PDB file of N, CA and C in Angstrom:
ATOM      1  N   UNK A   1     167.487  10.852 -93.172  1.00  0.00           N
ATOM      2  CA  UNK A   1     166.248  11.992 -94.410  1.00  0.00           C
ATOM      3  C   UNK A   1     165.203  11.047 -93.296  1.00  0.00           C
ATOM      4  N   UNK A   2     163.926  12.473 -92.805  1.00  0.00           N
ATOM      5  CA  UNK A   2     162.749  11.485 -92.222  1.00  0.00           C
ATOM      6  C   UNK A   2     161.664  11.823 -93.229  1.00  0.00           C
ATOM      7  N   UNK A   3     160.811  11.424 -92.556  1.00  0.00           N
ATOM      8  CA  UNK A   3     159.266  11.428 -93.439  1.00  0.00           C
ATOM      9  C   UNK A   3     159.211  13.033 -93.131  1.00  0.00           C
ATOM     10  N   UNK A   4     158.939  13.078 -91.927  1.00  0.00           N
ATOM     11  CA  UNK A   4     158.673  15.243 -92.016  1.00  0.00           C
ATOM     12  C   UNK A   4     159.292  15.826 -93.107  1.00  0.00           C
ATOM     13  N   UNK A   5     160.518  15.331 -92.508  1.00  0.00           N
ATOM     14  CA  UNK A   5     161.666  16.353 -93.710  1.00  0.00           C
ATOM     15  C   UNK A   5     161.250  16.712 -95.401  1.00  0.00           C
ATOM     16  N   UNK A   6     160.609  14.933 -95.812  1.00  0.00           N
ATOM     17  CA  UNK A   6     160.247  15.085 -97.195  1.00  0.00           C
ATOM     18  C   UNK A   6     158.916  15.918 -97.279  1.00  0.00           C
ATOM     19  N   UNK A   7     157.857  15.619 -96.289  1.00  0.00           N
ATOM     20  CA  UNK A   7     157.047  16.488 -96.156  1.00  0.00           C
ATOM     21  C   UNK A   7     156.790  17.936 -96.382  1.00  0.00           C
ATOM     22  N   UNK A   8     158.128  18.237 -95.446  1.00  0.00           N
ATOM     23  CA  UNK A   8     158.116  19.404 -95.230  1.00  0.00           C
ATOM     24  C   UNK A   8     158.751  20.310 -96.644  1.00  0.00           C
ATOM     25  N   UNK A   9     159.491  19.457 -97.132  1.00  0.00           N
ATOM     26  CA  UNK A   9     160.197  19.876 -98.448  1.00  0.00           C
ATOM     27  C   UNK A   9     159.063  20.373 -99.671  1.00  0.00           C
ATOM     28  N   UNK A  10     158.372  19.061 -99.643  1.00  0.00           N
ATOM     29  CA  UNK A  10     156.955  18.941-100.677  1.00  0.00           C
ATOM     30  C   UNK A  10     155.858  20.432-100.390  1.00  0.00           C
ATOM     31  N   UNK A  11     155.966  20.320 -99.163  1.00  0.00           N
ATOM     32  CA  UNK A  11     154.904  21.818 -98.854  1.00  0.00           C
ATOM     33  C   UNK A  11     155.534  22.925 -98.877  1.00  0.00           C
ATOM     34  N   UNK A  12     156.864  23.122 -98.696  1.00  0.00           N
ATOM     35  CA  UNK A  12     157.620  24.386 -99.365  1.00  0.00           C
ATOM     36  C   UNK A  12     157.526  24.900-100.305  1.00  0.00           C
ATOM     37  N   UNK A  13     157.825  23.529-101.183  1.00  0.00           N
ATOM     38  CA  UNK A  13     157.839  23.341-102.889  1.00  0.00           C
ATOM     39  C   UNK A  13     156.234  24.030-103.332  1.00  0.00           C
ATOM     40  N   UNK A  14     154.802  23.364-102.428  1.00  0.00           N
ATOM     41  CA  UNK A  14     154.121  24.041-103.494  1.00  0.00           C
ATOM     42  C   UNK A  14     153.819  25.244-102.859  1.00  0.00           C
ATOM     43  N   UNK A  15     154.193  25.794-101.565  1.00  0.00           N
ATOM     44  CA  UNK A  15     153.544  27.061-101.435  1.00  0.00           C
ATOM     45  C   UNK A  15     154.211  28.147-101.797  1.00  0.00           C
ATOM     46  N   UNK A  16     155.634  27.724-102.506  1.00  0.00           N
ATOM     47  CA  UNK A  16     156.108  28.604-103.447  1.00  0.00           C
ATOM     48  C   UNK A  16     155.879  28.474-104.563  1.00  0.00           C
ATOM     49  N   UNK A  17     155.138  27.213-104.998  1.00  0.00           N
ATOM     50  CA  UNK A  17     154.943  27.439-106.309  1.00  0.00           C
ATOM     51  C   UNK A  17     153.642  28.026-106.628  1.00  0.00           C
ATOM     52  N   UNK A  18     152.324  28.363-105.812  1.00  0.00           N
ATOM     53  CA  UNK A  18     151.613  28.697-105.206  1.00  0.00           C
ATOM     54  C   UNK A  18     151.525  30.362-105.528  1.00  0.00           C
ATOM     55  N   UNK A  19     152.605  31.079-104.531  1.00  0.00           N
ATOM     56  CA  UNK A  19     153.332  32.260-104.212  1.00  0.00           C
ATOM     57  C   UNK A  19     153.794  33.032-105.489  1.00  0.00           C
ATOM     58  N   UNK A  20     154.195  31.978-106.432  1.00  0.00           N
ATOM     59  CA  UNK A  20     155.057  32.467-107.739  1.00  0.00           C
ATOM     60  C   UNK A  20     153.774  32.802-108.941  1.00  0.00           C
ATOM     61  N   UNK A  21     153.077  31.858-108.936  1.00  0.00           N
ATOM     62  CA  UNK A  21     151.830  31.763-110.019  1.00  0.00           C
ATOM     63  C   UNK A  21     150.853  32.830-109.617  1.00  0.00           C
ATOM     64  N   UNK A  22     150.426  33.119-108.477  1.00  0.00           N
ATOM     65  CA  UNK A  22     149.470  34.001-107.955  1.00  0.00           C
ATOM     66  C   UNK A  22     149.401  35.198-108.454  1.00  0.00           C
ATOM     67  N   UNK A  23     150.138  36.213-108.893  1.00  0.00           N
ATOM     68  CA  UNK A  23     150.202  37.171-109.302  1.00  0.00           C
ATOM     69  C   UNK A  23     149.580  37.340-110.871  1.00  0.00           C
ATOM     70  N   UNK A  24     150.289  36.243-111.598  1.00  0.00           N
ATOM     71  CA  UNK A  24     149.872  36.275-112.795  1.00  0.00           C
ATOM     72  C   UNK A  24     148.415  35.669-113.446  1.00  0.00           C
ATOM     73  N   UNK A  25     148.169  34.981-112.199  1.00  0.00           N
ATOM     74  CA  UNK A  25     146.718  33.793-112.580  1.00  0.00           C
ATOM     75  C   UNK A  25     145.761  35.178-112.153  1.00  0.00           C
ATOM     76  N   UNK A  26     145.997  35.947-110.885  1.00  0.00           N
ATOM     77  CA  UNK A  26     144.738  36.847-110.642  1.00  0.00           C
ATOM     78  C   UNK A  26     144.724  37.960-111.500  1.00  0.00           C
ATOM     79  N   UNK A  27     145.855  38.649-112.396  1.00  0.00           N
ATOM     80  CA  UNK A  27     145.765  39.597-112.938  1.00  0.00           C
ATOM     81  C   UNK A  27     145.149  39.179-114.222  1.00  0.00           C
ATOM     82  N   UNK A  28     145.700  37.828-114.769  1.00  0.00           N
ATOM     83  CA  UNK A  28     144.586  37.075-115.937  1.00  0.00           C
ATOM     84  C   UNK A  28     143.176  37.118-115.582  1.00  0.00           C
ATOM     85  N   UNK A  29     142.673  36.738-114.270  1.00  0.00           N
ATOM     86  CA  UNK A  29     141.422  36.565-113.798  1.00  0.00           C
ATOM     87  C   UNK A  29     140.744  37.725-113.827  1.00  0.00           C
ATOM     88  N   UNK A  30     141.014  38.586-113.293  1.00  0.00           N
ATOM     89  CA  UNK A  30     140.704  40.214-113.269  1.00  0.00           C
ATOM     90  C   UNK A  30     140.662  40.705-114.804  1.00  0.00           C
ATOM     91  N   UNK A  31     141.544  40.614-115.591  1.00  0.00           N
ATOM     92  CA  UNK A  31     141.531  40.973-116.992  1.00  0.00           C
ATOM     93  C   UNK A  31     140.257  40.209-118.001  1.00  0.00           C
ATOM     94  N   UNK A  32     140.092  38.633-117.478  1.00  0.00           N
ATOM     95  CA  UNK A  32     139.576  37.911-118.159  1.00  0.00           C
ATOM     96  C   UNK A  32     138.133  38.703-117.719  1.00  0.00           C
ATOM     97  N   UNK A  33     137.619  38.467-116.369  1.00  0.00           N
ATOM     98  CA  UNK A  33     136.485  39.483-115.659  1.00  0.00           C
ATOM     99  C   UNK A  33     135.895  40.447-116.504  1.00  0.00           C
ATOM    100  N   UNK A  34     136.740  41.221-116.207  1.00  0.00           N
ATOM    101  CA  UNK A  34     136.260  42.590-116.903  1.00  0.00           C
ATOM    102  C   UNK A  34     135.987  43.093-118.674  1.00  0.00           C
ATOM    103  N   UNK A  35     137.014  41.603-119.306  1.00  0.00           N
ATOM    104  CA  UNK A  35     136.351  41.646-120.974  1.00  0.00           C
ATOM    105  C   UNK A  35     135.117  41.050-120.785  1.00  0.00           C
ATOM    106  N   UNK A  36     134.702  39.696-119.731  1.00  0.00           N
ATOM    107  CA  UNK A  36     133.631  39.129-120.031  1.00  0.00           C
ATOM    108  C   UNK A  36     132.438  40.245-119.786  1.00  0.00           C
ATOM    109  N   UNK A  37     132.905  40.959-118.924  1.00  0.00           N
ATOM    110  CA  UNK A  37     131.305  41.861-118.322  1.00  0.00           C
ATOM    111  C   UNK A  37     130.991  42.795-119.680  1.00  0.00           C
ATOM    112  N   UNK A  38     132.036  43.387-120.386  1.00  0.00           N
ATOM    113  CA  UNK A  38     132.004  44.101-121.523  1.00  0.00           C
ATOM    114  C   UNK A  38     131.612  43.652-122.677  1.00  0.00           C
ATOM    115  N   UNK A  39     131.980  42.013-123.188  1.00  0.00           N
ATOM    116  CA  UNK A  39     131.668  41.540-123.736  1.00  0.00           C
ATOM    117  C   UNK A  39     129.806  40.836-123.414  1.00  0.00           C
ATOM    118  N   UNK A  40     129.541  41.304-122.321  1.00  0.00           N
ATOM    119  CA  UNK A  40     128.156  40.763-122.478  1.00  0.00           C
ATOM    120  C   UNK A  40     127.616  41.974-122.158  1.00  0.00           C
ATOM    121  N   UNK A  41     127.926  43.615-122.198  1.00  0.00           N
ATOM    122  CA  UNK A  41     127.476  44.313-122.066  1.00  0.00           C
ATOM    123  C   UNK A  41     127.005  45.070-123.849  1.00  0.00           C
ATOM    124  N   UNK A  42     128.223  44.333-124.684  1.00  0.00           N
ATOM    125  CA  UNK A  42     128.425  45.313-125.989  1.00  0.00           C
ATOM    126  C   UNK A  42     127.761  43.826-126.717  1.00  0.00           C
ATOM    127  N   UNK A  43     127.386  42.739-126.155  1.00  0.00           N
ATOM    128  CA  UNK A  43     127.220  41.471-127.461  1.00  0.00           C
ATOM    129  C   UNK A  43     128.014  41.390-127.926  1.00  0.00           C
ATOM    130  N   UNK A  44     129.588  41.810-128.200  1.00  0.00           N
ATOM    131  CA  UNK A  44     130.388  41.195-129.036  1.00  0.00           C
ATOM    132  C   UNK A  44     131.168  40.139-128.652  1.00  0.00           C
ATOM    133  N   UNK A  45     130.977  38.872-129.281  1.00  0.00           N
ATOM    134  CA  UNK A  45     131.719  37.763-129.076  1.00  0.00           C
ATOM    135  C   UNK A  45     132.698  37.336-129.933  1.00  0.00           C
ATOM    136  N   UNK A  46     133.924  37.800-129.902  1.00  0.00           N
ATOM    137  CA  UNK A  46     135.133  37.897-130.570  1.00  0.00           C
ATOM    138  C   UNK A  46     136.283  37.101-129.820  1.00  0.00           C
ATOM    139  N   UNK A  47     136.835  36.470-129.614  1.00  0.00           N
ATOM    140  CA  UNK A  47     137.817  35.364-128.870  1.00  0.00           C
ATOM    141  C   UNK A  47     138.962  36.138-128.685  1.00  0.00           C
ATOM    142  N   UNK A  48     139.459  36.992-129.997  1.00  0.00           N
ATOM    143  CA  UNK A  48     141.089  37.442-130.077  1.00  0.00           C
ATOM    144  C   UNK A  48     140.699  38.639-128.742  1.00  0.00           C
ATOM    145  N   UNK A  49     139.517  39.399-128.809  1.00  0.00           N
ATOM    146  CA  UNK A  49     138.945  40.554-127.637  1.00  0.00           C
ATOM    147  C   UNK A  49     139.383  39.840-126.020  1.00  0.00           C
ATOM    148  N   UNK A  50     139.432  38.356-125.990  1.00  0.00           N
ATOM    149  CA  UNK A  50     139.588  37.823-124.795  1.00  0.00           C
ATOM    150  C   UNK A  50     141.162  37.446-124.659  1.00  0.00           C
ATOM    151  N   UNK A  51     141.514  36.828-125.353  1.00  0.00           N
ATOM    152  CA  UNK A  51     142.782  36.053-125.524  1.00  0.00           C
ATOM    153  C   UNK A  51     143.976  37.388-125.307  1.00  0.00           C
ATOM    154  N   UNK A  52     144.077  38.466-126.098  1.00  0.00           N
ATOM    155  CA  UNK A  52     145.287  39.261-125.719  1.00  0.00           C
ATOM    156  C   UNK A  52     144.695  40.025-125.082  1.00  0.00           C
ATOM    157  N   UNK A  53     144.115  40.418-124.483  1.00  0.00           N
ATOM    158  CA  UNK A  53     144.462  41.340-122.977  1.00  0.00           C
ATOM    159  C   UNK A  53     144.765  40.172-121.849  1.00  0.00           C
ATOM    160  N   UNK A  54     144.564  39.488-122.022  1.00  0.00           N
ATOM    161  CA  UNK A  54     144.780  38.362-120.989  1.00  0.00           C
ATOM    162  C   UNK A  54     146.459  37.903-121.192  1.00  0.00           C
ATOM    163  N   UNK A  55     146.743  38.155-122.119  1.00  0.00           N
ATOM    164  CA  UNK A  55     148.230  37.655-122.508  1.00  0.00           C
ATOM    165  C   UNK A  55     149.089  38.655-122.023  1.00  0.00           C
ATOM    166  N   UNK A  56     148.322  40.138-122.602  1.00  0.00           N
ATOM    167  CA  UNK A  56     149.438  41.473-122.087  1.00  0.00           C
ATOM    168  C   UNK A  56     149.119  41.688-120.689  1.00  0.00           C
ATOM    169  N   UNK A  57     148.339  40.977-119.808  1.00  0.00           N
ATOM    170  CA  UNK A  57     147.999  41.238-118.606  1.00  0.00           C
ATOM    171  C   UNK A  57     148.847  40.734-117.852  1.00  0.00           C
ATOM    172  N   UNK A  58     149.082  39.553-118.091  1.00  0.00           N
ATOM    173  CA  UNK A  58     150.175  38.354-117.433  1.00  0.00           C
ATOM    174  C   UNK A  58     151.314  38.722-118.159  1.00  0.00           C
ATOM    175  N   UNK A  59     152.075  39.221-119.209  1.00  0.00           N
ATOM    176  CA  UNK A  59     153.561  39.775-119.180  1.00  0.00           C
ATOM    177  C   UNK A  59     153.664  40.929-118.629  1.00  0.00           C
ATOM    178  N   UNK A  60     152.563  42.061-118.426  1.00  0.00           N
ATOM    179  CA  UNK A  60     153.039  43.028-117.658  1.00  0.00           C
ATOM    180  C   UNK A  60     153.004  42.453-116.389  1.00  0.00           C
ATOM    181  N   UNK A  61     152.622  41.370-115.756  1.00  0.00           N
ATOM    182  CA  UNK A  61     152.456  40.746-114.348  1.00  0.00           C
ATOM    183  C   UNK A  61     153.882  40.133-114.018  1.00  0.00           C
ATOM    184  N   UNK A  62     154.234  39.712-115.453  1.00  0.00           N
ATOM    185  CA  UNK A  62     155.690  38.891-115.009  1.00  0.00           C
ATOM    186  C   UNK A  62     156.922  40.138-115.038  1.00  0.00           C
ATOM    187  N   UNK A  63     156.762  40.946-115.813  1.00  0.00           N
ATOM    188  CA  UNK A  63     157.676  41.668-115.500  1.00  0.00           C
ATOM    189  C   UNK A  63     157.557  42.971-114.665  1.00  0.00           C
ATOM    190  N   UNK A  64     156.457  43.133-114.059  1.00  0.00           N
ATOM    191  CA  UNK A  64     156.410  43.838-112.720  1.00  0.00           C
ATOM    192  C   UNK A  64     157.092  42.762-111.588  1.00  0.00           C
ATOM    193  N   UNK A  65     156.537  41.712-111.649  1.00  0.00           N
ATOM    194  CA  UNK A  65     156.993  40.947-110.614  1.00  0.00           C
ATOM    195  C   UNK A  65     157.782  39.924-110.512  1.00  0.00           C
ATOM    196  N   UNK A  66     158.678  40.123-111.840  1.00  0.00           N
ATOM    197  CA  UNK A  66     159.575  38.946-112.164  1.00  0.00           C
ATOM    198  C   UNK A  66     160.773  38.822-111.042  1.00  0.00           C
ATOM    199  N   UNK A  67     161.261  39.925-110.702  1.00  0.00           N
ATOM    200  CA  UNK A  67     162.555  39.981-109.740  1.00  0.00           C
ATOM    201  C   UNK A  67     162.147  39.502-108.369  1.00  0.00           C
ATOM    202  N   UNK A  68     161.167  40.037-107.855  1.00  0.00           N
ATOM    203  CA  UNK A  68     160.246  39.308-106.630  1.00  0.00           C
ATOM    204  C   UNK A  68     160.409  37.718-106.593  1.00  0.00           C
ATOM    205  N   UNK A  69     159.756  37.233-107.854  1.00  0.00           N
ATOM    206  CA  UNK A  69     159.438  35.657-108.123  1.00  0.00           C
ATOM    207  C   UNK A  69     160.836  35.334-108.822  1.00  0.00           C
ATOM    208  N   UNK A  70     161.824  35.864-109.071  1.00  0.00           N
ATOM    209  CA  UNK A  70     163.205  35.378-109.638  1.00  0.00           C
ATOM    210  C   UNK A  70     164.298  34.906-107.850  1.00  0.00           C
ATOM    211  N   UNK A  71     164.073  36.188-107.194  1.00  0.00           N
ATOM    212  CA  UNK A  71     164.139  36.280-105.492  1.00  0.00           C
ATOM    213  C   UNK A  71     163.937  35.089-104.560  1.00  0.00           C
ATOM    214  N   UNK A  72     162.338  34.930-105.330  1.00  0.00           N
ATOM    215  CA  UNK A  72     162.135  33.874-104.258  1.00  0.00           C
ATOM    216  C   UNK A  72     162.449  32.662-104.717  1.00  0.00           C
ATOM    217  N   UNK A  73     162.657  32.505-105.847  1.00  0.00           N
ATOM    218  CA  UNK A  73     162.949  31.159-106.454  1.00  0.00           C
ATOM    219  C   UNK A  73     164.545  30.888-106.316  1.00  0.00           C
ATOM    220  N   UNK A  74     165.447  32.084-105.937  1.00  0.00           N
ATOM    221  CA  UNK A  74     167.047  31.789-105.480  1.00  0.00           C
ATOM    222  C   UNK A  74     167.237  31.461-104.599  1.00  0.00           C
ATOM    223  N   UNK A  75     165.944  31.539-103.648  1.00  0.00           N
ATOM    224  CA  UNK A  75     166.479  31.947-102.508  1.00  0.00           C
ATOM    225  C   UNK A  75     165.745  30.305-101.589  1.00  0.00           C
ATOM    226  N   UNK A  76     164.749  30.007-102.468  1.00  0.00           N
ATOM    227  CA  UNK A  76     164.112  28.638-102.242  1.00  0.00           C
ATOM    228  C   UNK A  76     164.995  27.928-102.929  1.00  0.00           C
ATOM    229  N   UNK A  77     166.033  27.753-104.153  1.00  0.00           N
ATOM    230  CA  UNK A  77     166.784  27.158-104.517  1.00  0.00           C
ATOM    231  C   UNK A  77     168.210  26.680-103.178  1.00  0.00           C
ATOM    232  N   UNK A  78     168.478  27.782-103.026  1.00  0.00           N
ATOM    233  CA  UNK A  78     170.248  27.939-101.924  1.00  0.00           C
ATOM    234  C   UNK A  78     169.291  27.440-100.965  1.00  0.00           C
ATOM    235  N   UNK A  79     168.386  27.569-100.312  1.00  0.00           N
ATOM    236  CA  UNK A  79     167.991  26.982 -98.829  1.00  0.00           C
ATOM    237  C   UNK A  79     167.928  25.396 -99.170  1.00  0.00           C
ATOM    238  N   UNK A  80     167.254  24.863-100.363  1.00  0.00           N
ATOM    239  CA  UNK A  80     167.853  23.201-100.730  1.00  0.00           C
ATOM    240  C   UNK A  80     168.820  22.352-100.958  1.00  0.00           C
ATOM    241  N   UNK A  81     169.826  23.373-101.350  1.00  0.00           N
ATOM    242  CA  UNK A  81     171.172  23.017-101.535  1.00  0.00           C
ATOM    243  C   UNK A  81     171.692  23.173-100.487  1.00  0.00           C
ATOM    244  N   UNK A  82     171.621  24.330 -99.316  1.00  0.00           N
ATOM    245  CA  UNK A  82     172.134  24.036 -98.336  1.00  0.00           C
ATOM    246  C   UNK A  82     172.286  23.098 -97.140  1.00  0.00           C
ATOM    247  N   UNK A  83     170.708  22.303 -97.497  1.00  0.00           N
ATOM    248  CA  UNK A  83     169.909  21.492 -96.443  1.00  0.00           C
ATOM    249  C   UNK A  83     170.680  19.986 -97.425  1.00  0.00           C
ATOM    250  N   UNK A  84     171.531  19.902 -98.145  1.00  0.00           N
ATOM    251  CA  UNK A  84     171.961  18.571 -99.217  1.00  0.00           C
ATOM    252  C   UNK A  84     172.749  17.745 -97.972  1.00  0.00           C
ATOM    253  N   UNK A  85     174.074  18.325 -97.268  1.00  0.00           N
ATOM    254  CA  UNK A  85     174.561  17.723 -96.372  1.00  0.00           C
ATOM    255  C   UNK A  85     174.395  17.280 -95.584  1.00  0.00           C
ATOM    256  N   UNK A  86     172.740  17.987 -94.604  1.00  0.00           N
ATOM    257  CA  UNK A  86     171.786  17.410 -94.147  1.00  0.00           C
ATOM    258  C   UNK A  86     171.229  16.020 -94.291  1.00  0.00           C
ATOM    259  N   UNK A  87     171.054  15.953 -95.631  1.00  0.00           N
ATOM    260  CA  UNK A  87     169.874  14.661 -96.414  1.00  0.00           C
ATOM    261  C   UNK A  87     171.345  13.545 -96.378  1.00  0.00           C
ATOM    262  N   UNK A  88     172.306  14.019 -96.684  1.00  0.00           N
ATOM    263  CA  UNK A  88     172.946  12.544 -96.890  1.00  0.00           C
ATOM    264  C   UNK A  88     173.488  11.957 -95.688  1.00  0.00           C
ATOM    265  N   UNK A  89     173.376  12.669 -94.267  1.00  0.00           N
ATOM    266  CA  UNK A  89     173.601  11.861 -93.220  1.00  0.00           C
ATOM    267  C   UNK A  89     172.700  11.029 -92.530  1.00  0.00           C
TER     268      UNK A  89
END
């Protein structure tokens, strides 16, 4: 097992983590921005008004993107398991 191999696995893990987290984070960011603009326009400062739409947006995004996320995680895990014999030599 070389230093380059360890760095490649670490880099691929970080990139996969960002790809998996991005849809939910972006949806939450957009909803938070829209709710903040609405609150600024109406001068309503209710905390539940921010929290509930963000949770709903994140849940909807995970439901919609769930199969894609699961497919990416399974593919990555299988690739890592396939590389185990190469690492032990």
